[in-house]
Amino acid sequence: MRCLLFALIMIAGLASAARASEPPPGIAWQGDFIQGGLVIGVAQPGITLRLGGHAVPVAPDGHFVFGFGRDEAASVPLQIDYGDGRSISLALPVEQRQYHIQRIDGLPEVQVTPPPEVLDRIKRENEKIAAVRARGTPNLDFLQGWIWPAKGTVSGVYGSQRILNGHPKQPHYGLDIAAPKGTPVVATTDGVVVLAEPDLYYTGGTVIIDHGMGVTAAYLHMQTVLVKAGQRVRQGEQIGTVGATGRATGPHLDWRVNWFDVRIDPQRLLPKLRS
């Protein structure tokens, strides 16, 4: 992939960008310009980038990555500064998507709103998760590509949302893979474990792995957690087992990918399953 991207830089430098999604001179990229999409690129030395309200880190070798959220606007500004007084501002077009919305009424209130006595716990846990996702390490493990984290049946997809008793709940930001309890869960690509918790309120057994440059992956509702924070793991290495811990109605793995606080559609990163 790295050789391909550097070759694309040379091509990009020879032609002006006819469309906003085409890279400007000095930059090459490939990926999904769609809500939930992830884009990987390479920039020539001295270039700095800013996407909307986010500074886009650029590695010493020029690699960078950015993503678009579930509800990203149809056009997102990208500022490119070349370090020599030149700058370009692009309006990146982002393809819009339709998501499945499900309404469920008549539920007991305890299934809709968490009890007051756990609100402080939820706040502490959310702050811990936000802190590890905010760190942007210089690793480039995300360049390796991705494999499926568990064997099973897709039971939930990115972007779907439930309205419970008339109250819109947070959209689902992950890929649910239903499988029996104890099914192995593996690291989808190389990285460093930055969070390993056996019992979070919402997500139960939870592992978050840092893949570099703001890209993290979370593995939720696991029955067992087999790694610890600070541990480096390899693609395909077992990190836990499928469970139904936390707020889960049955055994499954909820796998999520972020670019900092931007929620990425993880299924778009994976090879398609063979029938």
C-alpha atoms as a PDB file:
ATOM      1  CA  MET A   1       0.000   0.000   0.000  1.00  0.00           C
ATOM      2  CA  ARG A   2       2.818   2.440   0.864  1.00  0.00           C
ATOM      3  CA  CYS A   3       4.466   2.144  -2.581  1.00  0.00           C
ATOM      4  CA  LEU A   4       1.102   2.599  -4.257  1.00  0.00           C
ATOM      5  CA  LEU A   5       0.349   5.764  -2.315  1.00  0.00           C
ATOM      6  CA  PHE A   6       3.749   7.306  -3.029  1.00  0.00           C
ATOM      7  CA  ALA A   7       3.277   6.558  -6.724  1.00  0.00           C
ATOM      8  CA  LEU A   8      -0.094   8.244  -6.609  1.00  0.00           C
ATOM      9  CA  ILE A   9       1.519  11.376  -5.164  1.00  0.00           C
ATOM     10  CA  MET A  10       3.554  11.794  -8.348  1.00  0.00           C
ATOM     11  CA  ILE A  11       0.420  11.460 -10.455  1.00  0.00           C
ATOM     12  CA  ALA A  12      -1.483  13.928  -8.274  1.00  0.00           C
ATOM     13  CA  GLY A  13       1.295  16.478  -8.634  1.00  0.00           C
ATOM     14  CA  LEU A  14       0.988  16.449 -12.422  1.00  0.00           C
ATOM     15  CA  ALA A  15      -2.674  17.370 -12.623  1.00  0.00           C
ATOM     16  CA  SER A  16      -5.028  19.762 -10.893  1.00  0.00           C
ATOM     17  CA  ALA A  17      -7.906  18.338  -8.873  1.00  0.00           C
ATOM     18  CA  ALA A  18     -10.884  18.189 -11.199  1.00  0.00           C
ATOM     19  CA  ARG A  19     -13.151  17.102  -8.330  1.00  0.00           C
ATOM     20  CA  ALA A  20     -12.833  17.883  -4.646  1.00  0.00           C
ATOM     21  CA  SER A  21     -12.431  14.183  -3.796  1.00  0.00           C
ATOM     22  CA  GLU A  22      -9.379  13.992  -6.027  1.00  0.00           C
ATOM     23  CA  PRO A  23      -6.185  14.814  -4.145  1.00  0.00           C
ATOM     24  CA  PRO A  24      -4.417  18.133  -4.784  1.00  0.00           C
ATOM     25  CA  PRO A  25      -0.733  18.257  -5.819  1.00  0.00           C
ATOM     26  CA  GLY A  26       1.597  16.759  -3.232  1.00  0.00           C
ATOM     27  CA  ILE A  27      -1.020  14.447  -1.722  1.00  0.00           C
ATOM     28  CA  ALA A  28      -2.332  10.991  -2.521  1.00  0.00           C
ATOM     29  CA  TRP A  29      -5.200   9.199  -0.802  1.00  0.00           C
ATOM     30  CA  GLN A  30      -7.542   6.278  -1.096  1.00  0.00           C
ATOM     31  CA  GLY A  31     -10.623   5.290   0.876  1.00  0.00           C
ATOM     32  CA  ASP A  32     -14.316   5.968   1.343  1.00  0.00           C
ATOM     33  CA  PHE A  33     -15.623   9.531   0.990  1.00  0.00           C
ATOM     34  CA  ILE A  34     -18.905   8.495   2.600  1.00  0.00           C
ATOM     35  CA  GLN A  35     -20.497   8.813   6.036  1.00  0.00           C
ATOM     36  CA  GLY A  36     -18.610   6.322   8.206  1.00  0.00           C
ATOM     37  CA  GLY A  37     -15.716   6.095   5.734  1.00  0.00           C
ATOM     38  CA  LEU A  38     -11.979   6.080   6.426  1.00  0.00           C
ATOM     39  CA  VAL A  39      -9.387   7.682   4.121  1.00  0.00           C
ATOM     40  CA  ILE A  40      -5.641   6.894   4.156  1.00  0.00           C
ATOM     41  CA  GLY A  41      -3.099   9.077   2.411  1.00  0.00           C
ATOM     42  CA  VAL A  42       0.482  10.307   2.013  1.00  0.00           C
ATOM     43  CA  ALA A  43       1.632  13.928   1.919  1.00  0.00           C
ATOM     44  CA  GLN A  44       4.902  15.409   0.703  1.00  0.00           C
ATOM     45  CA  PRO A  45       7.240  16.855   3.398  1.00  0.00           C
ATOM     46  CA  GLY A  46       6.136  20.119   5.008  1.00  0.00           C
ATOM     47  CA  ILE A  47       2.405  19.705   4.370  1.00  0.00           C
ATOM     48  CA  THR A  48      -0.056  20.146   7.238  1.00  0.00           C
ATOM     49  CA  LEU A  49      -3.748  19.288   7.093  1.00  0.00           C
ATOM     50  CA  ARG A  50      -6.926  20.283   8.863  1.00  0.00           C
ATOM     51  CA  LEU A  51     -10.274  18.592   8.245  1.00  0.00           C
ATOM     52  CA  GLY A  52     -13.200  20.631   9.522  1.00  0.00           C
ATOM     53  CA  GLY A  53     -12.460  21.162  13.210  1.00  0.00           C
ATOM     54  CA  HIS A  54      -9.795  18.443  13.384  1.00  0.00           C
ATOM     55  CA  ALA A  55      -6.057  18.786  12.915  1.00  0.00           C
ATOM     56  CA  VAL A  56      -4.964  15.771  10.857  1.00  0.00           C
ATOM     57  CA  PRO A  57      -1.667  14.355  12.180  1.00  0.00           C
ATOM     58  CA  VAL A  58       0.937  13.635   9.500  1.00  0.00           C
ATOM     59  CA  ALA A  59       3.608  11.022  10.262  1.00  0.00           C
ATOM     60  CA  PRO A  60       7.305  11.726   9.572  1.00  0.00           C
ATOM     61  CA  ASP A  61       7.079   9.576   6.428  1.00  0.00           C
ATOM     62  CA  GLY A  62       4.023  11.552   5.247  1.00  0.00           C
ATOM     63  CA  HIS A  63       1.251   9.070   6.058  1.00  0.00           C
ATOM     64  CA  PHE A  64      -2.033  10.379   7.420  1.00  0.00           C
ATOM     65  CA  VAL A  65      -5.558   9.130   7.985  1.00  0.00           C
ATOM     66  CA  PHE A  66      -8.930  10.748   8.587  1.00  0.00           C
ATOM     67  CA  GLY A  67     -12.558   9.695   8.751  1.00  0.00           C
ATOM     68  CA  PHE A  68     -16.140  10.856   8.399  1.00  0.00           C
ATOM     69  CA  GLY A  69     -18.827  10.400  11.047  1.00  0.00           C
ATOM     70  CA  ARG A  70     -22.279   8.809  10.793  1.00  0.00           C
ATOM     71  CA  ASP A  71     -23.995  12.175  10.317  1.00  0.00           C
ATOM     72  CA  GLU A  72     -21.213  13.981   8.457  1.00  0.00           C
ATOM     73  CA  ALA A  73     -22.327  16.903   6.314  1.00  0.00           C
ATOM     74  CA  ALA A  74     -22.417  16.508   2.528  1.00  0.00           C
ATOM     75  CA  SER A  75     -19.390  18.806   2.256  1.00  0.00           C
ATOM     76  CA  VAL A  76     -16.437  19.019   4.660  1.00  0.00           C
ATOM     77  CA  PRO A  77     -13.663  21.646   4.394  1.00  0.00           C
ATOM     78  CA  LEU A  78     -10.065  20.448   4.124  1.00  0.00           C
ATOM     79  CA  GLN A  79      -7.271  22.985   4.576  1.00  0.00           C
ATOM     80  CA  ILE A  80      -3.845  22.097   3.092  1.00  0.00           C
ATOM     81  CA  ASP A  81      -0.827  24.224   4.018  1.00  0.00           C
ATOM     82  CA  TYR A  82       2.371  23.513   2.081  1.00  0.00           C
ATOM     83  CA  GLY A  83       4.769  25.198   4.524  1.00  0.00           C
ATOM     84  CA  ASP A  84       6.054  27.646   1.916  1.00  0.00           C
ATOM     85  CA  GLY A  85       3.238  30.195   2.031  1.00  0.00           C
ATOM     86  CA  ARG A  86       0.932  28.266  -0.284  1.00  0.00           C
ATOM     87  CA  SER A  87      -2.365  26.853   0.913  1.00  0.00           C
ATOM     88  CA  ILE A  88      -5.419  25.218  -0.635  1.00  0.00           C
ATOM     89  CA  SER A  89      -8.910  24.868   0.759  1.00  0.00           C
ATOM     90  CA  LEU A  90     -11.069  22.058  -0.617  1.00  0.00           C
ATOM     91  CA  ALA A  91     -14.698  21.176  -0.010  1.00  0.00           C
ATOM     92  CA  LEU A  92     -14.647  17.377   0.201  1.00  0.00           C
ATOM     93  CA  PRO A  93     -17.933  15.788  -0.932  1.00  0.00           C
ATOM     94  CA  VAL A  94     -19.197  13.133   1.488  1.00  0.00           C
ATOM     95  CA  GLU A  95     -21.758  10.612   0.255  1.00  0.00           C
ATOM     96  CA  GLN A  96     -24.861  10.545   2.437  1.00  0.00           C
ATOM     97  CA  ARG A  97     -26.464   7.341   3.744  1.00  0.00           C
ATOM     98  CA  GLN A  98     -29.844   6.140   4.977  1.00  0.00           C
ATOM     99  CA  TYR A  99     -29.970   4.249   8.281  1.00  0.00           C
ATOM    100  CA  HIS A 100     -32.462   1.805   9.737  1.00  0.00           C
ATOM    101  CA  ILE A 101     -34.588   3.379  12.510  1.00  0.00           C
ATOM    102  CA  GLN A 102     -36.594   1.094  14.812  1.00  0.00           C
ATOM    103  CA  ARG A 103     -39.351   2.271  17.179  1.00  0.00           C
ATOM    104  CA  ILE A 104     -40.170   0.210  20.277  1.00  0.00           C
ATOM    105  CA  ASP A 105     -42.847   1.343  22.733  1.00  0.00           C
ATOM    106  CA  GLY A 106     -44.205  -0.025  26.004  1.00  0.00           C
ATOM    107  CA  LEU A 107     -40.834  -0.951  27.525  1.00  0.00           C
ATOM    108  CA  PRO A 108     -40.218  -0.796  31.299  1.00  0.00           C
ATOM    109  CA  GLU A 109     -38.472   2.488  32.087  1.00  0.00           C
ATOM    110  CA  VAL A 110     -35.418   0.687  33.517  1.00  0.00           C
ATOM    111  CA  GLN A 111     -34.685  -0.621  29.992  1.00  0.00           C
ATOM    112  CA  VAL A 112     -34.808   2.907  28.565  1.00  0.00           C
ATOM    113  CA  THR A 113     -33.013   5.056  31.153  1.00  0.00           C
ATOM    114  CA  PRO A 114     -30.252   3.824  33.502  1.00  0.00           C
ATOM    115  CA  PRO A 115     -31.041   4.151  37.237  1.00  0.00           C
ATOM    116  CA  PRO A 116     -29.678   7.281  38.972  1.00  0.00           C
ATOM    117  CA  GLU A 117     -27.292   5.309  41.191  1.00  0.00           C
ATOM    118  CA  VAL A 118     -25.139   4.260  38.202  1.00  0.00           C
ATOM    119  CA  LEU A 119     -24.885   7.660  36.485  1.00  0.00           C
ATOM    120  CA  ASP A 120     -21.608   8.589  38.208  1.00  0.00           C
ATOM    121  CA  ARG A 121     -20.120   5.237  37.212  1.00  0.00           C
ATOM    122  CA  ILE A 122     -21.191   5.707  33.598  1.00  0.00           C
ATOM    123  CA  LYS A 123     -19.666   9.208  33.540  1.00  0.00           C
ATOM    124  CA  ARG A 124     -16.309   7.956  34.888  1.00  0.00           C
ATOM    125  CA  GLU A 125     -16.184   5.096  32.410  1.00  0.00           C
ATOM    126  CA  ASN A 126     -17.082   7.331  29.465  1.00  0.00           C
ATOM    127  CA  GLU A 127     -14.337   9.784  30.439  1.00  0.00           C
ATOM    128  CA  LYS A 128     -11.790   6.953  30.583  1.00  0.00           C
ATOM    129  CA  ILE A 129     -12.796   5.756  27.110  1.00  0.00           C
ATOM    130  CA  ALA A 130     -12.722   9.294  25.675  1.00  0.00           C
ATOM    131  CA  ALA A 131      -9.224   9.832  27.094  1.00  0.00           C
ATOM    132  CA  VAL A 132      -7.682   6.804  25.355  1.00  0.00           C
ATOM    133  CA  ARG A 133      -9.375   7.690  22.068  1.00  0.00           C
ATOM    134  CA  ALA A 134      -8.051  11.263  22.197  1.00  0.00           C
ATOM    135  CA  ARG A 135      -4.408  10.170  22.130  1.00  0.00           C
ATOM    136  CA  GLY A 136      -2.775  10.226  18.715  1.00  0.00           C
ATOM    137  CA  THR A 137       0.275   7.953  18.691  1.00  0.00           C
ATOM    138  CA  PRO A 138       2.676   7.841  15.697  1.00  0.00           C
ATOM    139  CA  ASN A 139       2.087   4.125  15.048  1.00  0.00           C
ATOM    140  CA  LEU A 140       1.103   3.144  11.509  1.00  0.00           C
ATOM    141  CA  ASP A 141      -0.442  -0.239  12.296  1.00  0.00           C
ATOM    142  CA  PHE A 142      -3.675   0.722  10.514  1.00  0.00           C
ATOM    143  CA  LEU A 143      -1.812   0.411   7.193  1.00  0.00           C
ATOM    144  CA  GLN A 144      -1.710  -3.366   7.623  1.00  0.00           C
ATOM    145  CA  GLY A 145      -5.363  -3.865   6.742  1.00  0.00           C
ATOM    146  CA  TRP A 146      -8.079  -5.582   8.752  1.00  0.00           C
ATOM    147  CA  ILE A 147      -9.452  -9.057   9.420  1.00  0.00           C
ATOM    148  CA  TRP A 148     -12.735 -10.118  11.035  1.00  0.00           C
ATOM    149  CA  PRO A 149     -12.523 -10.059  14.852  1.00  0.00           C
ATOM    150  CA  ALA A 150     -14.696 -13.159  15.387  1.00  0.00           C
ATOM    151  CA  LYS A 151     -16.527 -15.881  13.492  1.00  0.00           C
ATOM    152  CA  GLY A 152     -20.295 -15.558  13.608  1.00  0.00           C
ATOM    153  CA  THR A 153     -23.363 -13.951  12.074  1.00  0.00           C
ATOM    154  CA  VAL A 154     -23.748 -10.208  11.520  1.00  0.00           C
ATOM    155  CA  SER A 155     -26.636  -9.206  13.787  1.00  0.00           C
ATOM    156  CA  GLY A 156     -26.256  -5.432  13.945  1.00  0.00           C
ATOM    157  CA  VAL A 157     -24.798  -2.763  11.684  1.00  0.00           C
ATOM    158  CA  TYR A 158     -23.357   0.721  11.924  1.00  0.00           C
ATOM    159  CA  GLY A 159     -25.730   3.674  11.944  1.00  0.00           C
ATOM    160  CA  SER A 160     -28.927   1.943  13.007  1.00  0.00           C
ATOM    161  CA  GLN A 161     -30.923   3.561  15.802  1.00  0.00           C
ATOM    162  CA  ARG A 162     -33.740   2.698  18.180  1.00  0.00           C
ATOM    163  CA  ILE A 163     -36.403   5.024  19.528  1.00  0.00           C
ATOM    164  CA  LEU A 164     -37.517   3.550  22.866  1.00  0.00           C
ATOM    165  CA  ASN A 165     -40.791   4.765  24.346  1.00  0.00           C
ATOM    166  CA  GLY A 166     -40.485   7.843  22.129  1.00  0.00           C
ATOM    167  CA  HIS A 167     -36.921   8.634  23.276  1.00  0.00           C
ATOM    168  CA  PRO A 168     -34.256   8.509  20.513  1.00  0.00           C
ATOM    169  CA  LYS A 169     -31.293   6.510  21.805  1.00  0.00           C
ATOM    170  CA  GLN A 170     -27.696   6.841  20.688  1.00  0.00           C
ATOM    171  CA  PRO A 171     -27.143   5.348  17.220  1.00  0.00           C
ATOM    172  CA  HIS A 172     -25.306   2.051  16.995  1.00  0.00           C
ATOM    173  CA  TYR A 173     -21.742   2.736  15.966  1.00  0.00           C
ATOM    174  CA  GLY A 174     -20.404  -0.792  15.689  1.00  0.00           C
ATOM    175  CA  LEU A 175     -20.644  -4.106  13.902  1.00  0.00           C
ATOM    176  CA  ASP A 176     -22.417  -6.801  15.932  1.00  0.00           C
ATOM    177  CA  ILE A 177     -21.278 -10.388  15.374  1.00  0.00           C
ATOM    178  CA  ALA A 178     -23.515 -12.956  17.084  1.00  0.00           C
ATOM    179  CA  ALA A 179     -21.665 -16.089  18.216  1.00  0.00           C
ATOM    180  CA  PRO A 180     -21.771 -18.579  21.111  1.00  0.00           C
ATOM    181  CA  LYS A 181     -20.213 -17.575  24.415  1.00  0.00           C
ATOM    182  CA  GLY A 182     -16.544 -18.465  24.455  1.00  0.00           C
ATOM    183  CA  THR A 183     -15.977 -17.909  20.721  1.00  0.00           C
ATOM    184  CA  PRO A 184     -12.447 -16.488  20.288  1.00  0.00           C
ATOM    185  CA  VAL A 185     -12.091 -12.750  19.643  1.00  0.00           C
ATOM    186  CA  VAL A 186      -8.907 -11.696  17.841  1.00  0.00           C
ATOM    187  CA  ALA A 187      -7.128  -8.420  17.146  1.00  0.00           C
ATOM    188  CA  THR A 188      -8.162  -7.183  13.710  1.00  0.00           C
ATOM    189  CA  THR A 189      -4.733  -5.652  13.073  1.00  0.00           C
ATOM    190  CA  ASP A 190      -1.520  -4.963  15.004  1.00  0.00           C
ATOM    191  CA  GLY A 191      -1.655  -2.434  17.805  1.00  0.00           C
ATOM    192  CA  VAL A 192      -1.200  -1.598  21.477  1.00  0.00           C
ATOM    193  CA  VAL A 193      -3.891  -2.258  24.069  1.00  0.00           C
ATOM    194  CA  VAL A 194      -4.809   1.040  25.724  1.00  0.00           C
ATOM    195  CA  LEU A 195      -7.819  -0.135  27.729  1.00  0.00           C
ATOM    196  CA  ALA A 196      -8.728  -3.576  29.096  1.00  0.00           C
ATOM    197  CA  GLU A 197     -11.675  -3.689  31.488  1.00  0.00           C
ATOM    198  CA  PRO A 198     -13.650  -6.788  32.546  1.00  0.00           C
ATOM    199  CA  ASP A 199     -16.869  -5.028  33.597  1.00  0.00           C
ATOM    200  CA  LEU A 200     -17.949  -1.648  32.237  1.00  0.00           C
ATOM    201  CA  TYR A 201     -21.604  -0.741  32.787  1.00  0.00           C
ATOM    202  CA  TYR A 202     -22.710  -0.521  29.161  1.00  0.00           C
ATOM    203  CA  THR A 203     -20.102  -2.650  27.390  1.00  0.00           C
ATOM    204  CA  GLY A 204     -19.023  -5.256  29.975  1.00  0.00           C
ATOM    205  CA  GLY A 205     -15.715  -6.877  29.041  1.00  0.00           C
ATOM    206  CA  THR A 206     -14.072  -4.170  26.936  1.00  0.00           C
ATOM    207  CA  VAL A 207     -10.760  -3.865  25.092  1.00  0.00           C
ATOM    208  CA  ILE A 208      -9.578  -0.849  23.079  1.00  0.00           C
ATOM    209  CA  ILE A 209      -6.529  -1.172  20.833  1.00  0.00           C
ATOM    210  CA  ASP A 210      -4.572   1.796  19.471  1.00  0.00           C
ATOM    211  CA  HIS A 211      -3.623   1.352  15.798  1.00  0.00           C
ATOM    212  CA  GLY A 212      -1.942   4.745  15.432  1.00  0.00           C
ATOM    213  CA  MET A 213      -2.656   8.302  14.251  1.00  0.00           C
ATOM    214  CA  GLY A 214      -5.960   8.437  16.161  1.00  0.00           C
ATOM    215  CA  VAL A 215      -7.305   5.106  14.869  1.00  0.00           C
ATOM    216  CA  THR A 216      -8.585   2.843  17.652  1.00  0.00           C
ATOM    217  CA  ALA A 217     -10.716  -0.301  17.687  1.00  0.00           C
ATOM    218  CA  ALA A 218     -13.008  -1.382  20.541  1.00  0.00           C
ATOM    219  CA  TYR A 219     -14.187  -4.900  21.363  1.00  0.00           C
ATOM    220  CA  LEU A 220     -17.273  -4.931  23.584  1.00  0.00           C
ATOM    221  CA  HIS A 221     -19.434  -7.314  25.687  1.00  0.00           C
ATOM    222  CA  MET A 222     -16.686  -9.941  25.969  1.00  0.00           C
ATOM    223  CA  GLN A 223     -17.003 -12.819  28.419  1.00  0.00           C
ATOM    224  CA  THR A 224     -13.261 -12.895  29.105  1.00  0.00           C
ATOM    225  CA  VAL A 225     -10.493 -10.330  28.546  1.00  0.00           C
ATOM    226  CA  LEU A 226      -7.123 -11.962  27.878  1.00  0.00           C
ATOM    227  CA  VAL A 227      -4.911  -8.873  27.450  1.00  0.00           C
ATOM    228  CA  LYS A 228      -3.878  -5.916  29.566  1.00  0.00           C
ATOM    229  CA  ALA A 229      -3.233  -2.232  28.957  1.00  0.00           C
ATOM    230  CA  GLY A 230       0.210  -1.561  27.471  1.00  0.00           C
ATOM    231  CA  GLN A 231       0.434  -4.951  25.778  1.00  0.00           C
ATOM    232  CA  ARG A 232       1.310  -5.066  22.075  1.00  0.00           C
ATOM    233  CA  VAL A 233      -0.801  -7.504  20.074  1.00  0.00           C
ATOM    234  CA  ARG A 234      -0.523  -8.882  16.563  1.00  0.00           C
ATOM    235  CA  GLN A 235      -3.213  -9.279  13.936  1.00  0.00           C
ATOM    236  CA  GLY A 236      -5.089 -12.532  14.591  1.00  0.00           C
ATOM    237  CA  GLU A 237      -3.906 -12.853  18.204  1.00  0.00           C
ATOM    238  CA  GLN A 238      -6.692 -13.803  20.622  1.00  0.00           C
ATOM    239  CA  ILE A 239      -7.609 -10.990  23.009  1.00  0.00           C
ATOM    240  CA  GLY A 240     -10.776 -12.422  24.602  1.00  0.00           C
ATOM    241  CA  THR A 241     -13.974 -14.382  24.065  1.00  0.00           C
ATOM    242  CA  VAL A 242     -17.498 -13.517  22.981  1.00  0.00           C
ATOM    243  CA  GLY A 243     -19.947 -12.891  25.799  1.00  0.00           C
ATOM    244  CA  ALA A 244     -23.097 -11.063  26.805  1.00  0.00           C
ATOM    245  CA  THR A 245     -21.673  -8.775  29.485  1.00  0.00           C
ATOM    246  CA  GLY A 246     -22.780  -5.204  30.153  1.00  0.00           C
ATOM    247  CA  ARG A 247     -26.039  -4.075  28.553  1.00  0.00           C
ATOM    248  CA  ALA A 248     -26.396  -6.949  26.106  1.00  0.00           C
ATOM    249  CA  THR A 249     -29.431  -9.098  25.324  1.00  0.00           C
ATOM    250  CA  GLY A 250     -27.456 -12.073  24.013  1.00  0.00           C
ATOM    251  CA  PRO A 251     -23.922 -13.272  23.269  1.00  0.00           C
ATOM    252  CA  HIS A 252     -22.237 -11.219  20.574  1.00  0.00           C
ATOM    253  CA  LEU A 253     -19.197  -9.075  19.865  1.00  0.00           C
ATOM    254  CA  ASP A 254     -19.746  -5.378  19.228  1.00  0.00           C
ATOM    255  CA  TRP A 255     -16.675  -4.197  17.278  1.00  0.00           C
ATOM    256  CA  ARG A 256     -16.123  -0.471  16.749  1.00  0.00           C
ATOM    257  CA  VAL A 257     -13.526   1.734  15.058  1.00  0.00           C
ATOM    258  CA  ASN A 258     -12.797   5.394  15.751  1.00  0.00           C
ATOM    259  CA  TRP A 259     -10.621   8.128  14.310  1.00  0.00           C
ATOM    260  CA  PHE A 260     -10.224  10.156  17.522  1.00  0.00           C
ATOM    261  CA  ASP A 261     -13.873  10.920  18.434  1.00  0.00           C
ATOM    262  CA  VAL A 262     -15.175  10.259  14.907  1.00  0.00           C
ATOM    263  CA  ARG A 263     -17.083   6.972  14.629  1.00  0.00           C
ATOM    264  CA  ILE A 264     -16.109   4.910  11.581  1.00  0.00           C
ATOM    265  CA  ASP A 265     -18.187   2.139   9.969  1.00  0.00           C
ATOM    266  CA  PRO A 266     -16.022  -0.910  10.777  1.00  0.00           C
ATOM    267  CA  GLN A 267     -17.697  -3.193   8.254  1.00  0.00           C
ATOM    268  CA  ARG A 268     -16.398  -1.043   5.389  1.00  0.00           C
ATOM    269  CA  LEU A 269     -12.826  -1.891   6.452  1.00  0.00           C
ATOM    270  CA  LEU A 270     -13.275  -5.660   6.316  1.00  0.00           C
ATOM    271  CA  PRO A 271     -12.962  -8.179   3.494  1.00  0.00           C
ATOM    272  CA  LYS A 272     -16.345  -9.502   2.419  1.00  0.00           C
ATOM    273  CA  LEU A 273     -17.376 -12.813   3.910  1.00  0.00           C
ATOM    274  CA  ARG A 274     -17.423 -15.771   1.552  1.00  0.00           C
ATOM    275  CA  SER A 275     -20.745 -17.585   1.357  1.00  0.00           C
END
